[in-house]
């Protein structure tokens, strides 16, 4: 499967927080619910899931690693009843609806090849 397209500049900024040889598969912004510094970027590689802290107003410059887990861990399920959110490593994150398919695709890679992620907006 191809990697998620992101700018080369942003890829370089993210890559320095990953282990040598890790390839970025998926990247999406999220917010930590109830935090005074909520902005994060979730990076899924073939080896791990890494949550990077960012500035409040600028998510294009990651500042540090907040959490890291082996790739075998799922991000979902995503609760889309009100706002879309998920729990990862005991922390609740909110994501924009447009990134729910990205999160589901990352999780689908861990399942069987015929597993299809649920449609986050079935009423449309």
N, C-alpha and C. Protein backbone atom coordinates (compact mmCIF):
# COMPACT_ATOMS: atom_id res chain seq x y z
N UNK A 1 0.84 -1.19 0.00
CA UNK A 1 0.00 0.00 0.00
C UNK A 1 0.88 1.24 0.00
N UNK A 2 0.48 2.28 -0.72
CA UNK A 2 1.27 3.51 -0.73
C UNK A 2 1.15 4.27 0.58
N UNK A 3 2.14 5.09 0.84
CA UNK A 3 2.12 5.93 2.04
C UNK A 3 1.19 7.11 1.83
N UNK A 4 0.74 7.70 2.92
CA UNK A 4 -0.11 8.89 2.86
C UNK A 4 0.72 10.06 2.34
N UNK A 5 0.21 10.82 1.35
CA UNK A 5 0.99 11.94 0.83
C UNK A 5 1.04 13.12 1.79
N UNK A 6 2.24 13.56 2.14
CA UNK A 6 2.45 14.76 2.94
C UNK A 6 3.65 15.48 2.35
N UNK A 7 3.79 16.75 2.65
CA UNK A 7 4.90 17.50 2.08
C UNK A 7 6.24 16.95 2.57
N UNK A 8 7.25 17.10 1.75
CA UNK A 8 8.58 16.60 2.12
C UNK A 8 9.12 17.33 3.35
N UNK A 9 8.79 18.60 3.48
CA UNK A 9 9.25 19.38 4.64
C UNK A 9 8.63 18.85 5.94
N UNK A 10 7.32 18.60 5.90
CA UNK A 10 6.64 18.06 7.08
C UNK A 10 7.12 16.64 7.38
N UNK A 11 7.32 15.85 6.35
CA UNK A 11 7.84 14.49 6.51
C UNK A 11 9.20 14.52 7.22
N UNK A 12 10.08 15.44 6.85
CA UNK A 12 11.39 15.57 7.51
C UNK A 12 11.23 15.93 8.98
N UNK A 13 10.31 16.83 9.27
CA UNK A 13 10.08 17.23 10.67
C UNK A 13 9.59 16.05 11.51
N UNK A 14 8.73 15.25 10.94
CA UNK A 14 8.20 14.08 11.65
C UNK A 14 9.27 13.00 11.78
N UNK A 15 9.98 12.76 10.70
CA UNK A 15 10.93 11.65 10.63
C UNK A 15 11.99 11.71 11.73
N UNK A 16 12.38 12.89 12.14
CA UNK A 16 13.43 12.98 13.17
C UNK A 16 12.97 12.47 14.54
N UNK A 17 11.65 12.28 14.72
CA UNK A 17 11.12 11.72 15.96
C UNK A 17 10.90 10.20 15.88
N UNK A 18 11.14 9.63 14.70
CA UNK A 18 10.95 8.20 14.50
C UNK A 18 12.30 7.48 14.50
N UNK A 19 12.25 6.17 14.65
CA UNK A 19 13.46 5.36 14.61
C UNK A 19 14.00 5.30 13.18
N UNK A 20 15.28 5.08 13.05
CA UNK A 20 15.90 4.93 11.74
C UNK A 20 15.21 3.79 10.98
N UNK A 21 14.83 4.05 9.76
CA UNK A 21 14.20 3.03 8.93
C UNK A 21 12.68 2.99 9.00
N UNK A 22 12.08 3.70 9.95
CA UNK A 22 10.62 3.72 10.03
C UNK A 22 10.06 4.52 8.86
N UNK A 23 9.07 3.94 8.17
CA UNK A 23 8.40 4.62 7.06
C UNK A 23 7.03 5.10 7.53
N UNK A 24 6.75 6.34 7.26
CA UNK A 24 5.47 6.94 7.63
C UNK A 24 4.38 6.35 6.73
N UNK A 25 3.31 5.83 7.34
CA UNK A 25 2.19 5.27 6.60
C UNK A 25 0.99 6.21 6.63
N UNK A 26 0.66 6.72 7.81
CA UNK A 26 -0.50 7.60 7.99
C UNK A 26 -0.12 8.70 8.97
N UNK A 27 -0.68 9.89 8.71
CA UNK A 27 -0.48 11.03 9.61
C UNK A 27 -1.81 11.78 9.69
N UNK A 28 -2.21 12.12 10.91
CA UNK A 28 -3.40 12.95 11.03
C UNK A 28 -3.32 13.77 12.31
N UNK A 29 -3.90 14.98 12.29
CA UNK A 29 -3.92 15.83 13.49
C UNK A 29 -5.03 15.39 14.43
N UNK A 30 -4.83 15.64 15.70
CA UNK A 30 -5.83 15.35 16.72
C UNK A 30 -5.65 16.33 17.87
N UNK A 31 -6.58 16.30 18.80
CA UNK A 31 -6.48 17.12 20.01
C UNK A 31 -6.71 16.24 21.22
N UNK A 32 -5.91 16.46 22.25
CA UNK A 32 -6.10 15.75 23.51
C UNK A 32 -7.26 16.41 24.24
N UNK A 33 -8.29 15.64 24.52
CA UNK A 33 -9.46 16.20 25.20
C UNK A 33 -9.10 16.65 26.61
N UNK A 34 -9.49 17.88 26.95
CA UNK A 34 -9.29 18.41 28.29
C UNK A 34 -7.88 18.90 28.59
N UNK A 35 -7.04 19.03 27.59
CA UNK A 35 -5.66 19.46 27.81
C UNK A 35 -5.50 20.95 27.51
N UNK A 36 -4.58 21.61 28.22
CA UNK A 36 -4.29 23.02 27.92
C UNK A 36 -3.37 23.15 26.72
N UNK A 37 -2.69 22.08 26.34
CA UNK A 37 -1.87 22.02 25.12
C UNK A 37 -2.36 20.85 24.28
N UNK A 38 -3.53 21.02 23.64
CA UNK A 38 -4.18 19.86 23.03
C UNK A 38 -3.63 19.39 21.69
N UNK A 39 -2.91 20.23 20.95
CA UNK A 39 -2.53 19.89 19.59
C UNK A 39 -1.50 18.78 19.48
N UNK A 40 -1.84 17.74 18.71
CA UNK A 40 -0.91 16.64 18.47
C UNK A 40 -1.02 16.20 17.01
N UNK A 41 -0.02 15.45 16.59
CA UNK A 41 -0.05 14.78 15.30
C UNK A 41 0.19 13.30 15.58
N UNK A 42 -0.68 12.46 15.05
CA UNK A 42 -0.54 11.01 15.22
C UNK A 42 0.13 10.47 13.96
N UNK A 43 1.24 9.75 14.16
CA UNK A 43 2.02 9.21 13.06
C UNK A 43 2.00 7.69 13.17
N UNK A 44 1.54 7.04 12.11
CA UNK A 44 1.52 5.58 12.07
C UNK A 44 2.57 5.13 11.07
N UNK A 45 3.51 4.33 11.54
CA UNK A 45 4.53 3.75 10.66
C UNK A 45 4.31 2.24 10.63
N UNK A 46 5.15 1.54 9.92
CA UNK A 46 5.03 0.08 9.89
C UNK A 46 5.46 -0.54 11.22
N UNK A 47 6.23 0.19 12.03
CA UNK A 47 6.73 -0.34 13.29
C UNK A 47 6.01 0.19 14.52
N UNK A 48 5.44 1.40 14.44
CA UNK A 48 4.90 2.01 15.66
C UNK A 48 3.80 3.02 15.37
N UNK A 49 3.14 3.42 16.46
CA UNK A 49 2.23 4.56 16.45
C UNK A 49 2.85 5.57 17.39
N UNK A 50 3.09 6.79 16.90
CA UNK A 50 3.75 7.82 17.68
C UNK A 50 2.86 9.06 17.73
N UNK A 51 2.66 9.59 18.92
CA UNK A 51 1.90 10.83 19.09
C UNK A 51 2.90 11.94 19.38
N UNK A 52 2.92 12.95 18.51
CA UNK A 52 3.85 14.07 18.63
C UNK A 52 3.11 15.32 19.10
N UNK A 53 3.69 16.02 20.06
CA UNK A 53 3.10 17.29 20.50
C UNK A 53 3.41 18.36 19.47
N UNK A 54 2.51 19.33 19.36
CA UNK A 54 2.69 20.46 18.45
C UNK A 54 2.28 21.73 19.17
N UNK A 55 2.44 22.84 18.51
CA UNK A 55 1.98 24.10 19.09
C UNK A 55 0.47 24.20 19.00
N UNK A 56 -0.10 25.11 19.75
CA UNK A 56 -1.55 25.29 19.76
C UNK A 56 -2.04 25.77 18.40
N UNK A 57 -1.32 26.69 17.78
CA UNK A 57 -1.76 27.28 16.53
C UNK A 57 -1.03 26.76 15.31
N UNK A 58 0.01 25.97 15.49
CA UNK A 58 0.80 25.51 14.35
C UNK A 58 1.13 24.03 14.51
N UNK A 59 0.39 23.20 13.80
CA UNK A 59 0.62 21.76 13.87
C UNK A 59 1.69 21.29 12.91
N UNK A 60 2.28 22.18 12.16
CA UNK A 60 3.27 21.77 11.17
C UNK A 60 4.67 21.63 11.74
N UNK A 61 4.84 21.92 13.04
CA UNK A 61 6.16 21.81 13.66
C UNK A 61 6.08 20.97 14.93
N UNK A 62 6.25 19.64 14.78
CA UNK A 62 6.23 18.78 15.96
C UNK A 62 7.32 19.15 16.95
N UNK A 63 6.99 19.05 18.26
CA UNK A 63 7.95 19.45 19.29
C UNK A 63 8.54 18.29 20.07
N UNK A 64 7.81 17.19 20.20
CA UNK A 64 8.32 16.07 20.97
C UNK A 64 7.38 14.89 20.95
N UNK A 65 7.85 13.76 21.45
CA UNK A 65 7.06 12.53 21.51
C UNK A 65 6.27 12.49 22.82
N UNK A 66 4.95 12.37 22.71
CA UNK A 66 4.10 12.24 23.89
C UNK A 66 3.81 10.78 24.22
N UNK A 67 3.67 9.96 23.19
CA UNK A 67 3.36 8.54 23.39
C UNK A 67 3.86 7.74 22.20
N UNK A 68 4.22 6.49 22.47
CA UNK A 68 4.66 5.60 21.39
C UNK A 68 4.27 4.18 21.77
N UNK A 69 3.71 3.45 20.81
CA UNK A 69 3.32 2.06 21.02
C UNK A 69 3.71 1.25 19.80
N UNK A 70 3.89 -0.06 19.98
CA UNK A 70 4.16 -0.92 18.83
C UNK A 70 2.99 -0.87 17.84
N UNK A 71 3.26 -1.14 16.61
CA UNK A 71 2.25 -1.04 15.55
C UNK A 71 1.08 -2.00 15.74
N UNK A 72 1.23 -3.05 16.49
CA UNK A 72 0.15 -4.00 16.69
C UNK A 72 -1.02 -3.47 17.49
N UNK A 73 -0.90 -2.27 18.04
CA UNK A 73 -1.97 -1.65 18.83
C UNK A 73 -2.93 -0.93 17.89
N UNK A 74 -4.22 -1.08 18.14
CA UNK A 74 -5.23 -0.38 17.33
C UNK A 74 -5.49 1.01 17.90
N UNK A 75 -5.83 1.93 17.01
CA UNK A 75 -6.20 3.28 17.42
C UNK A 75 -7.68 3.36 17.78
N UNK A 76 -8.52 2.64 17.06
CA UNK A 76 -9.96 2.71 17.23
C UNK A 76 -10.45 1.72 18.26
N UNK A 77 -11.73 1.64 18.41
CA UNK A 77 -12.74 2.22 17.54
C UNK A 77 -12.92 3.72 17.78
N UNK A 78 -13.46 4.38 16.77
CA UNK A 78 -13.73 5.81 16.85
C UNK A 78 -15.19 5.99 17.20
N UNK A 79 -15.47 6.78 18.22
CA UNK A 79 -16.84 7.11 18.60
C UNK A 79 -17.22 8.36 17.82
N UNK A 80 -18.25 8.27 16.99
CA UNK A 80 -18.67 9.41 16.18
C UNK A 80 -20.06 9.91 16.56
N UNK A 81 -20.53 9.59 17.76
CA UNK A 81 -21.87 10.01 18.18
C UNK A 81 -22.02 11.52 18.25
N UNK A 82 -21.08 12.22 18.83
CA UNK A 82 -21.12 13.69 18.88
C UNK A 82 -19.96 14.20 18.04
N UNK A 83 -18.81 14.33 18.66
CA UNK A 83 -17.58 14.63 17.92
C UNK A 83 -16.81 13.32 17.81
N UNK A 84 -16.02 13.19 16.77
CA UNK A 84 -15.24 11.96 16.58
C UNK A 84 -14.09 11.94 17.58
N UNK A 85 -13.99 10.84 18.35
CA UNK A 85 -12.91 10.72 19.31
C UNK A 85 -12.54 9.25 19.48
N UNK A 86 -11.32 9.03 19.96
CA UNK A 86 -10.84 7.68 20.22
C UNK A 86 -9.93 7.72 21.43
N UNK A 87 -9.65 6.57 22.00
CA UNK A 87 -8.77 6.46 23.16
C UNK A 87 -7.54 5.66 22.75
N UNK A 88 -6.36 6.21 23.02
CA UNK A 88 -5.10 5.54 22.71
C UNK A 88 -4.19 5.67 23.92
N UNK A 89 -3.72 4.56 24.42
CA UNK A 89 -2.86 4.53 25.62
C UNK A 89 -3.51 5.26 26.80
N UNK A 90 -4.83 5.13 26.93
CA UNK A 90 -5.54 5.72 28.05
C UNK A 90 -5.84 7.20 27.92
N UNK A 91 -5.49 7.81 26.80
CA UNK A 91 -5.73 9.24 26.58
C UNK A 91 -6.81 9.39 25.51
N UNK A 92 -7.74 10.31 25.72
CA UNK A 92 -8.83 10.55 24.77
C UNK A 92 -8.40 11.65 23.79
N UNK A 93 -8.57 11.35 22.51
CA UNK A 93 -8.21 12.28 21.44
C UNK A 93 -9.44 12.57 20.59
N UNK A 94 -9.58 13.82 20.18
CA UNK A 94 -10.64 14.20 19.25
C UNK A 94 -10.03 14.43 17.88
N UNK A 95 -10.73 13.97 16.84
CA UNK A 95 -10.27 14.17 15.46
C UNK A 95 -11.41 14.77 14.65
N UNK A 96 -11.06 15.51 13.62
CA UNK A 96 -12.07 16.00 12.69
C UNK A 96 -12.63 14.81 11.92
N UNK A 97 -13.89 14.89 11.55
CA UNK A 97 -14.55 13.79 10.84
C UNK A 97 -13.78 13.36 9.58
N UNK A 98 -13.14 14.31 8.92
CA UNK A 98 -12.44 13.98 7.68
C UNK A 98 -11.27 13.03 7.90
N UNK A 99 -10.76 12.91 9.14
CA UNK A 99 -9.63 12.03 9.41
C UNK A 99 -10.04 10.66 9.94
N UNK A 100 -11.33 10.45 10.19
CA UNK A 100 -11.80 9.15 10.67
C UNK A 100 -11.46 8.04 9.68
N UNK A 101 -11.64 8.24 8.36
CA UNK A 101 -11.25 7.18 7.43
C UNK A 101 -9.75 6.86 7.46
N UNK A 102 -8.92 7.86 7.73
CA UNK A 102 -7.47 7.63 7.84
C UNK A 102 -7.19 6.73 9.03
N UNK A 103 -7.79 7.06 10.15
CA UNK A 103 -7.62 6.26 11.36
C UNK A 103 -8.14 4.83 11.14
N UNK A 104 -9.30 4.70 10.51
CA UNK A 104 -9.85 3.38 10.24
C UNK A 104 -8.99 2.59 9.27
N UNK A 105 -8.41 3.26 8.29
CA UNK A 105 -7.53 2.57 7.34
C UNK A 105 -6.28 2.04 8.04
N UNK A 106 -5.73 2.83 8.96
CA UNK A 106 -4.56 2.38 9.72
C UNK A 106 -4.90 1.13 10.52
N UNK A 107 -6.07 1.12 11.15
CA UNK A 107 -6.49 -0.05 11.92
C UNK A 107 -6.80 -1.24 11.01
N UNK A 108 -7.36 -0.98 9.84
CA UNK A 108 -7.72 -2.07 8.92
C UNK A 108 -6.49 -2.84 8.46
N UNK A 109 -5.34 -2.19 8.41
CA UNK A 109 -4.11 -2.88 8.01
C UNK A 109 -3.75 -3.99 8.99
N UNK A 110 -4.23 -3.89 10.22
CA UNK A 110 -3.93 -4.91 11.23
C UNK A 110 -4.86 -6.11 11.13
N UNK A 111 -5.99 -5.94 10.45
CA UNK A 111 -6.97 -7.01 10.35
C UNK A 111 -6.74 -7.86 9.12
N UNK A 112 -7.74 -8.63 8.81
CA UNK A 112 -7.65 -9.49 7.63
C UNK A 112 -7.75 -8.63 6.38
N UNK A 113 -7.22 -9.11 5.25
CA UNK A 113 -7.22 -8.31 4.02
C UNK A 113 -8.62 -7.92 3.54
N UNK A 114 -9.64 -8.72 3.89
CA UNK A 114 -10.99 -8.40 3.42
C UNK A 114 -11.76 -7.51 4.39
N UNK A 115 -11.12 -7.09 5.46
CA UNK A 115 -11.78 -6.22 6.44
C UNK A 115 -11.88 -4.81 5.88
N UNK A 116 -13.07 -4.25 5.93
CA UNK A 116 -13.30 -2.90 5.42
C UNK A 116 -13.71 -2.02 6.59
N UNK A 117 -13.09 -0.83 6.74
CA UNK A 117 -13.48 0.07 7.83
C UNK A 117 -14.94 0.51 7.68
N UNK A 118 -15.59 0.77 8.81
CA UNK A 118 -16.96 1.28 8.79
C UNK A 118 -16.98 2.68 8.21
N UNK A 119 -18.05 3.00 7.50
CA UNK A 119 -18.25 4.33 6.97
C UNK A 119 -18.54 5.27 8.14
N UNK A 120 -17.71 6.33 8.36
CA UNK A 120 -17.92 7.22 9.50
C UNK A 120 -19.16 8.10 9.35
N UNK A 121 -19.64 8.29 8.13
CA UNK A 121 -20.80 9.14 7.88
C UNK A 121 -21.80 8.40 6.98
N UNK A 122 -22.40 7.31 7.47
CA UNK A 122 -23.26 6.50 6.61
C UNK A 122 -24.51 7.22 6.13
N UNK A 123 -24.92 8.28 6.81
CA UNK A 123 -26.13 8.99 6.41
C UNK A 123 -25.93 9.88 5.19
N UNK A 124 -24.71 10.08 4.75
CA UNK A 124 -24.47 10.93 3.57
C UNK A 124 -24.60 10.16 2.28
